[in-house]
Amino acid sequence: MDSTTIPSVDQLLQSGIELSMPLQFSGDFLELAVLFFIIAIVAAVLGARGVAGLSMTVAKWLVIVFLVLAVISLLL
């Protein structure tokens, strides 16, 4: 390898150098939070207050987990 050129990923992998990939997540927590929010709204309209409250609690915690993971991934 010439010292003035930047090696490609394939060249680095062939030379045995491990690459550390950044921490990424797909946002599944946010999708689940929206799903539980919709379930809570439907349950509240149908009069099932216990299911609506539980669904809102789950949705709230999933949003919190999503936000924590988003901040961590932005900092790393």
PDB file of N, CA and C in Angstrom:
ATOM      1  N   MET A   1       0.824  -1.190   0.000  1.00  0.00           N
ATOM      2  CA  MET A   1       0.000   0.000   0.000  1.00  0.00           C
ATOM      3  C   MET A   1       0.862   1.245   0.000  1.00  0.00           C
ATOM      4  N   ASP A   2       0.470   2.198  -0.785  1.00  0.00           N
ATOM      5  CA  ASP A   2       1.158   3.473  -0.829  1.00  0.00           C
ATOM      6  C   ASP A   2       0.727   4.301   0.383  1.00  0.00           C
ATOM      7  N   SER A   3       1.652   5.049   0.971  1.00  0.00           N
ATOM      8  CA  SER A   3       1.322   5.816   2.177  1.00  0.00           C
ATOM      9  C   SER A   3       0.450   7.031   1.888  1.00  0.00           C
ATOM     10  N   THR A   4       0.323   7.425   0.625  1.00  0.00           N
ATOM     11  CA  THR A   4      -0.499   8.602   0.302  1.00  0.00           C
ATOM     12  C   THR A   4      -1.951   8.235  -0.001  1.00  0.00           C
ATOM     13  N   THR A   5      -2.250   6.966  -0.189  1.00  0.00           N
ATOM     14  CA  THR A   5      -3.621   6.566  -0.491  1.00  0.00           C
ATOM     15  C   THR A   5      -4.291   6.018   0.756  1.00  0.00           C
ATOM     16  N   ILE A   6      -5.580   6.196   0.818  1.00  0.00           N
ATOM     17  CA  ILE A   6      -6.365   5.679   1.933  1.00  0.00           C
ATOM     18  C   ILE A   6      -6.814   4.271   1.567  1.00  0.00           C
ATOM     19  N   PRO A   7      -6.544   3.306   2.440  1.00  0.00           N
ATOM     20  CA  PRO A   7      -6.931   1.935   2.109  1.00  0.00           C
ATOM     21  C   PRO A   7      -8.446   1.759   2.157  1.00  0.00           C
ATOM     22  N   SER A   8      -8.944   0.857   1.329  1.00  0.00           N
ATOM     23  CA  SER A   8     -10.384   0.580   1.319  1.00  0.00           C
ATOM     24  C   SER A   8     -10.723  -0.352   2.475  1.00  0.00           C
ATOM     25  N   VAL A   9     -12.003  -0.523   2.713  1.00  0.00           N
ATOM     26  CA  VAL A   9     -12.459  -1.407   3.786  1.00  0.00           C
ATOM     27  C   VAL A   9     -12.020  -2.838   3.511  1.00  0.00           C
ATOM     28  N   ASP A  10     -12.117  -3.263   2.263  1.00  0.00           N
ATOM     29  CA  ASP A  10     -11.694  -4.621   1.914  1.00  0.00           C
ATOM     30  C   ASP A  10     -10.212  -4.832   2.202  1.00  0.00           C
ATOM     31  N   GLN A  11      -9.384  -3.833   1.894  1.00  0.00           N
ATOM     32  CA  GLN A  11      -7.954  -3.961   2.160  1.00  0.00           C
ATOM     33  C   GLN A  11      -7.685  -4.030   3.658  1.00  0.00           C
ATOM     34  N   LEU A  12      -8.412  -3.250   4.433  1.00  0.00           N
ATOM     35  CA  LEU A  12      -8.227  -3.295   5.885  1.00  0.00           C
ATOM     36  C   LEU A  12      -8.654  -4.639   6.454  1.00  0.00           C
ATOM     37  N   LEU A  13      -9.769  -5.161   5.966  1.00  0.00           N
ATOM     38  CA  LEU A  13     -10.234  -6.460   6.456  1.00  0.00           C
ATOM     39  C   LEU A  13      -9.271  -7.571   6.066  1.00  0.00           C
ATOM     40  N   GLN A  14      -8.701  -7.501   4.868  1.00  0.00           N
ATOM     41  CA  GLN A  14      -7.750  -8.508   4.432  1.00  0.00           C
ATOM     42  C   GLN A  14      -6.448  -8.423   5.213  1.00  0.00           C
ATOM     43  N   SER A  15      -6.091  -7.238   5.660  1.00  0.00           N
ATOM     44  CA  SER A  15      -4.853  -7.093   6.412  1.00  0.00           C
ATOM     45  C   SER A  15      -5.021  -7.491   7.874  1.00  0.00           C
ATOM     46  N   GLY A  16      -6.261  -7.798   8.306  1.00  0.00           N
ATOM     47  CA  GLY A  16      -6.479  -8.268   9.674  1.00  0.00           C
ATOM     48  C   GLY A  16      -6.832  -7.177  10.649  1.00  0.00           C
ATOM     49  N   ILE A  17      -7.028  -5.963  10.192  1.00  0.00           N
ATOM     50  CA  ILE A  17      -7.401  -4.872  11.083  1.00  0.00           C
ATOM     51  C   ILE A  17      -8.915  -4.916  11.279  1.00  0.00           C
ATOM     52  N   GLU A  18      -9.348  -4.948  12.543  1.00  0.00           N
ATOM     53  CA  GLU A  18     -10.780  -4.960  12.825  1.00  0.00           C
ATOM     54  C   GLU A  18     -11.315  -3.542  12.807  1.00  0.00           C
ATOM     55  N   LEU A  19     -12.468  -3.387  12.189  1.00  0.00           N
ATOM     56  CA  LEU A  19     -13.125  -2.088  12.161  1.00  0.00           C
ATOM     57  C   LEU A  19     -14.240  -2.086  13.191  1.00  0.00           C
ATOM     58  N   SER A  20     -14.311  -1.060  13.997  1.00  0.00           N
ATOM     59  CA  SER A  20     -15.415  -0.970  14.950  1.00  0.00           C
ATOM     60  C   SER A  20     -16.530  -0.158  14.312  1.00  0.00           C
ATOM     61  N   MET A  21     -17.690  -0.765  14.233  1.00  0.00           N
ATOM     62  CA  MET A  21     -18.840  -0.122  13.622  1.00  0.00           C
ATOM     63  C   MET A  21     -19.577   0.676  14.689  1.00  0.00           C
ATOM     64  N   PRO A  22     -20.158   1.812  14.328  1.00  0.00           N
ATOM     65  CA  PRO A  22     -20.886   2.604  15.317  1.00  0.00           C
ATOM     66  C   PRO A  22     -22.154   1.890  15.767  1.00  0.00           C
ATOM     67  N   LEU A  23     -22.569   2.185  17.004  1.00  0.00           N
ATOM     68  CA  LEU A  23     -23.787   1.610  17.552  1.00  0.00           C
ATOM     69  C   LEU A  23     -24.992   2.240  16.863  1.00  0.00           C
ATOM     70  N   GLN A  24     -25.812   1.402  16.262  1.00  0.00           N
ATOM     71  CA  GLN A  24     -27.003   1.893  15.592  1.00  0.00           C
ATOM     72  C   GLN A  24     -28.177   1.021  15.971  1.00  0.00           C
ATOM     73  N   PHE A  25     -29.348   1.618  16.018  1.00  0.00           N
ATOM     74  CA  PHE A  25     -30.554   0.848  16.257  1.00  0.00           C
ATOM     75  C   PHE A  25     -31.603   1.277  15.252  1.00  0.00           C
ATOM     76  N   SER A  26     -32.597   0.432  15.080  1.00  0.00           N
ATOM     77  CA  SER A  26     -33.531   0.642  13.980  1.00  0.00           C
ATOM     78  C   SER A  26     -34.743   1.481  14.356  1.00  0.00           C
ATOM     79  N   GLY A  27     -34.949   1.795  15.611  1.00  0.00           N
ATOM     80  CA  GLY A  27     -36.102   2.592  15.988  1.00  0.00           C
ATOM     81  C   GLY A  27     -37.336   1.762  16.270  1.00  0.00           C
ATOM     82  N   ASP A  28     -37.143   0.468  16.540  1.00  0.00           N
ATOM     83  CA  ASP A  28     -38.286  -0.396  16.820  1.00  0.00           C
ATOM     84  C   ASP A  28     -39.035   0.035  18.071  1.00  0.00           C
ATOM     85  N   PHE A  29     -38.328   0.628  19.015  1.00  0.00           N
ATOM     86  CA  PHE A  29     -38.986   1.080  20.230  1.00  0.00           C
ATOM     87  C   PHE A  29     -40.021   2.156  19.922  1.00  0.00           C
ATOM     88  N   LEU A  30     -39.691   3.042  19.022  1.00  0.00           N
ATOM     89  CA  LEU A  30     -40.621   4.105  18.669  1.00  0.00           C
ATOM     90  C   LEU A  30     -41.837   3.548  17.940  1.00  0.00           C
ATOM     91  N   GLU A  31     -41.635   2.580  17.064  1.00  0.00           N
ATOM     92  CA  GLU A  31     -42.760   1.961  16.363  1.00  0.00           C
ATOM     93  C   GLU A  31     -43.680   1.236  17.344  1.00  0.00           C
ATOM     94  N   LEU A  32     -43.102   0.535  18.301  1.00  0.00           N
ATOM     95  CA  LEU A  32     -43.913  -0.137  19.309  1.00  0.00           C
ATOM     96  C   LEU A  32     -44.655   0.859  20.189  1.00  0.00           C
ATOM     97  N   ALA A  33     -44.005   1.984  20.502  1.00  0.00           N
ATOM     98  CA  ALA A  33     -44.659   3.008  21.313  1.00  0.00           C
ATOM     99  C   ALA A  33     -45.881   3.569  20.592  1.00  0.00           C
ATOM    100  N   VAL A  34     -45.767   3.814  19.302  1.00  0.00           N
ATOM    101  CA  VAL A  34     -46.909   4.310  18.522  1.00  0.00           C
ATOM    102  C   VAL A  34     -48.011   3.257  18.497  1.00  0.00           C
ATOM    103  N   LEU A  35     -47.653   1.991  18.347  1.00  0.00           N
ATOM    104  CA  LEU A  35     -48.643   0.915  18.350  1.00  0.00           C
ATOM    105  C   LEU A  35     -49.395   0.869  19.675  1.00  0.00           C
ATOM    106  N   PHE A  36     -48.669   0.919  20.800  1.00  0.00           N
ATOM    107  CA  PHE A  36     -49.329   0.899  22.101  1.00  0.00           C
ATOM    108  C   PHE A  36     -50.161   2.155  22.336  1.00  0.00           C
ATOM    109  N   PHE A  37     -49.742   3.283  21.799  1.00  0.00           N
ATOM    110  CA  PHE A  37     -50.524   4.512  21.906  1.00  0.00           C
ATOM    111  C   PHE A  37     -51.851   4.358  21.165  1.00  0.00           C
ATOM    112  N   ILE A  38     -51.812   3.767  19.983  1.00  0.00           N
ATOM    113  CA  ILE A  38     -53.041   3.542  19.216  1.00  0.00           C
ATOM    114  C   ILE A  38     -53.951   2.557  19.948  1.00  0.00           C
ATOM    115  N   ILE A  39     -53.374   1.507  20.515  1.00  0.00           N
ATOM    116  CA  ILE A  39     -54.162   0.553  21.301  1.00  0.00           C
ATOM    117  C   ILE A  39     -54.817   1.252  22.480  1.00  0.00           C
ATOM    118  N   ALA A  40     -54.080   2.152  23.133  1.00  0.00           N
ATOM    119  CA  ALA A  40     -54.634   2.883  24.279  1.00  0.00           C
ATOM    120  C   ALA A  40     -55.793   3.776  23.857  1.00  0.00           C
ATOM    121  N   ILE A  41     -55.677   4.437  22.724  1.00  0.00           N
ATOM    122  CA  ILE A  41     -56.761   5.306  22.264  1.00  0.00           C
ATOM    123  C   ILE A  41     -58.002   4.484  21.924  1.00  0.00           C
ATOM    124  N   VAL A  42     -57.813   3.376  21.222  1.00  0.00           N
ATOM    125  CA  VAL A  42     -58.948   2.517  20.872  1.00  0.00           C
ATOM    126  C   VAL A  42     -59.594   1.952  22.138  1.00  0.00           C
ATOM    127  N   ALA A  43     -58.793   1.516  23.085  1.00  0.00           N
ATOM    128  CA  ALA A  43     -59.332   0.974  24.335  1.00  0.00           C
ATOM    129  C   ALA A  43     -60.080   2.043  25.120  1.00  0.00           C
ATOM    130  N   ALA A  44     -59.573   3.272  25.116  1.00  0.00           N
ATOM    131  CA  ALA A  44     -60.257   4.348  25.838  1.00  0.00           C
ATOM    132  C   ALA A  44     -61.600   4.672  25.188  1.00  0.00           C
ATOM    133  N   VAL A  45     -61.648   4.653  23.862  1.00  0.00           N
ATOM    134  CA  VAL A  45     -62.906   4.916  23.161  1.00  0.00           C
ATOM    135  C   VAL A  45     -63.914   3.813  23.455  1.00  0.00           C
ATOM    136  N   LEU A  46     -63.452   2.578  23.552  1.00  0.00           N
ATOM    137  CA  LEU A  46     -64.347   1.452  23.821  1.00  0.00           C
ATOM    138  C   LEU A  46     -64.685   1.310  25.303  1.00  0.00           C
ATOM    139  N   GLY A  47     -64.053   2.096  26.158  1.00  0.00           N
ATOM    140  CA  GLY A  47     -64.389   2.086  27.576  1.00  0.00           C
ATOM    141  C   GLY A  47     -63.542   1.167  28.429  1.00  0.00           C
ATOM    142  N   ALA A  48     -62.510   0.580  27.884  1.00  0.00           N
ATOM    143  CA  ALA A  48     -61.635  -0.303  28.657  1.00  0.00           C
ATOM    144  C   ALA A  48     -60.518   0.546  29.263  1.00  0.00           C
ATOM    145  N   ARG A  49     -60.826   1.173  30.386  1.00  0.00           N
ATOM    146  CA  ARG A  49     -59.877   2.119  30.979  1.00  0.00           C
ATOM    147  C   ARG A  49     -58.617   1.446  31.497  1.00  0.00           C
ATOM    148  N   GLY A  50     -58.737   0.223  32.001  1.00  0.00           N
ATOM    149  CA  GLY A  50     -57.554  -0.488  32.510  1.00  0.00           C
ATOM    150  C   GLY A  50     -56.567  -0.806  31.408  1.00  0.00           C
ATOM    151  N   VAL A  51     -57.071  -1.292  30.274  1.00  0.00           N
ATOM    152  CA  VAL A  51     -56.208  -1.603  29.134  1.00  0.00           C
ATOM    153  C   VAL A  51     -55.605  -0.322  28.576  1.00  0.00           C
ATOM    154  N   ALA A  52     -56.404   0.747  28.538  1.00  0.00           N
ATOM    155  CA  ALA A  52     -55.906   2.019  28.017  1.00  0.00           C
ATOM    156  C   ALA A  52     -54.779   2.572  28.893  1.00  0.00           C
ATOM    157  N   GLY A  53     -54.944   2.493  30.191  1.00  0.00           N
ATOM    158  CA  GLY A  53     -53.910   2.980  31.103  1.00  0.00           C
ATOM    159  C   GLY A  53     -52.630   2.172  31.008  1.00  0.00           C
ATOM    160  N   LEU A  54     -52.784   0.853  30.938  1.00  0.00           N
ATOM    161  CA  LEU A  54     -51.615  -0.015  30.821  1.00  0.00           C
ATOM    162  C   LEU A  54     -50.891   0.222  29.496  1.00  0.00           C
ATOM    163  N   SER A  55     -51.649   0.376  28.423  1.00  0.00           N
ATOM    164  CA  SER A  55     -51.040   0.620  27.111  1.00  0.00           C
ATOM    165  C   SER A  55     -50.307   1.960  27.080  1.00  0.00           C
ATOM    166  N   MET A  56     -50.874   2.963  27.712  1.00  0.00           N
ATOM    167  CA  MET A  56     -50.196   4.263  27.756  1.00  0.00           C
ATOM    168  C   MET A  56     -48.918   4.187  28.581  1.00  0.00           C
ATOM    169  N   THR A  57     -48.944   3.408  29.652  1.00  0.00           N
ATOM    170  CA  THR A  57     -47.730   3.246  30.464  1.00  0.00           C
ATOM    171  C   THR A  57     -46.628   2.556  29.665  1.00  0.00           C
ATOM    172  N   VAL A  58     -46.988   1.504  28.951  1.00  0.00           N
ATOM    173  CA  VAL A  58     -46.006   0.801  28.121  1.00  0.00           C
ATOM    174  C   VAL A  58     -45.472   1.730  27.035  1.00  0.00           C
ATOM    175  N   ALA A  59     -46.359   2.482  26.393  1.00  0.00           N
ATOM    176  CA  ALA A  59     -45.938   3.415  25.342  1.00  0.00           C
ATOM    177  C   ALA A  59     -44.989   4.479  25.900  1.00  0.00           C
ATOM    178  N   LYS A  60     -45.300   4.983  27.091  1.00  0.00           N
ATOM    179  CA  LYS A  60     -44.443   6.000  27.713  1.00  0.00           C
ATOM    180  C   LYS A  60     -43.043   5.455  27.969  1.00  0.00           C
ATOM    181  N   TRP A  61     -42.937   4.241  28.493  1.00  0.00           N
ATOM    182  CA  TRP A  61     -41.629   3.653  28.781  1.00  0.00           C
ATOM    183  C   TRP A  61     -40.853   3.341  27.514  1.00  0.00           C
ATOM    184  N   LEU A  62     -41.565   2.927  26.464  1.00  0.00           N
ATOM    185  CA  LEU A  62     -40.876   2.658  25.197  1.00  0.00           C
ATOM    186  C   LEU A  62     -40.322   3.947  24.590  1.00  0.00           C
ATOM    187  N   VAL A  63     -41.051   5.043  24.721  1.00  0.00           N
ATOM    188  CA  VAL A  63     -40.538   6.327  24.235  1.00  0.00           C
ATOM    189  C   VAL A  63     -39.315   6.745  25.038  1.00  0.00           C
ATOM    190  N   ILE A  64     -39.345   6.532  26.340  1.00  0.00           N
ATOM    191  CA  ILE A  64     -38.194   6.886  27.187  1.00  0.00           C
ATOM    192  C   ILE A  64     -36.975   6.055  26.792  1.00  0.00           C
ATOM    193  N   VAL A  65     -37.170   4.749  26.582  1.00  0.00           N
ATOM    194  CA  VAL A  65     -36.053   3.890  26.163  1.00  0.00           C
ATOM    195  C   VAL A  65     -35.522   4.338  24.807  1.00  0.00           C
ATOM    196  N   PHE A  66     -36.426   4.678  23.885  1.00  0.00           N
ATOM    197  CA  PHE A  66     -36.007   5.169  22.577  1.00  0.00           C
ATOM    198  C   PHE A  66     -35.169   6.438  22.705  1.00  0.00           C
ATOM    199  N   LEU A  67     -35.607   7.379  23.525  1.00  0.00           N
ATOM    200  CA  LEU A  67     -34.871   8.631  23.679  1.00  0.00           C
ATOM    201  C   LEU A  67     -33.496   8.403  24.309  1.00  0.00           C
ATOM    202  N   VAL A  68     -33.425   7.525  25.300  1.00  0.00           N
ATOM    203  CA  VAL A  68     -32.139   7.229  25.938  1.00  0.00           C
ATOM    204  C   VAL A  68     -31.177   6.601  24.931  1.00  0.00           C
ATOM    205  N   LEU A  69     -31.660   5.632  24.156  1.00  0.00           N
ATOM    206  CA  LEU A  69     -30.798   5.000  23.154  1.00  0.00           C
ATOM    207  C   LEU A  69     -30.398   5.976  22.052  1.00  0.00           C
ATOM    208  N   ALA A  70     -31.306   6.895  21.691  1.00  0.00           N
ATOM    209  CA  ALA A  70     -30.974   7.889  20.672  1.00  0.00           C
ATOM    210  C   ALA A  70     -29.877   8.816  21.162  1.00  0.00           C
ATOM    211  N   VAL A  71     -29.962   9.251  22.411  1.00  0.00           N
ATOM    212  CA  VAL A  71     -28.922  10.139  22.964  1.00  0.00           C
ATOM    213  C   VAL A  71     -27.593   9.401  23.061  1.00  0.00           C
ATOM    214  N   ILE A  72     -27.633   8.150  23.503  1.00  0.00           N
ATOM    215  CA  ILE A  72     -26.396   7.373  23.611  1.00  0.00           C
ATOM    216  C   ILE A  72     -25.758   7.186  22.243  1.00  0.00           C
ATOM    217  N   SER A  73     -26.565   6.883  21.234  1.00  0.00           N
ATOM    218  CA  SER A  73     -25.994   6.659  19.899  1.00  0.00           C
ATOM    219  C   SER A  73     -25.466   7.951  19.292  1.00  0.00           C
ATOM    220  N   LEU A  74     -26.038   9.084  19.665  1.00  0.00           N
ATOM    221  CA  LEU A  74     -25.519  10.360  19.161  1.00  0.00           C
ATOM    222  C   LEU A  74     -24.198  10.730  19.826  1.00  0.00           C
ATOM    223  N   LEU A  75     -24.046  10.334  21.080  1.00  0.00           N
ATOM    224  CA  LEU A  75     -22.817  10.667  21.801  1.00  0.00           C
ATOM    225  C   LEU A  75     -21.652   9.745  21.448  1.00  0.00           C
ATOM    226  N   LEU A  76     -21.952   8.521  21.034  1.00  0.00           N
ATOM    227  CA  LEU A  76     -20.867   7.577  20.742  1.00  0.00           C
ATOM    228  C   LEU A  76     -20.430   7.690  19.338  1.00  0.00           C
TER     229      LEU A  76
END
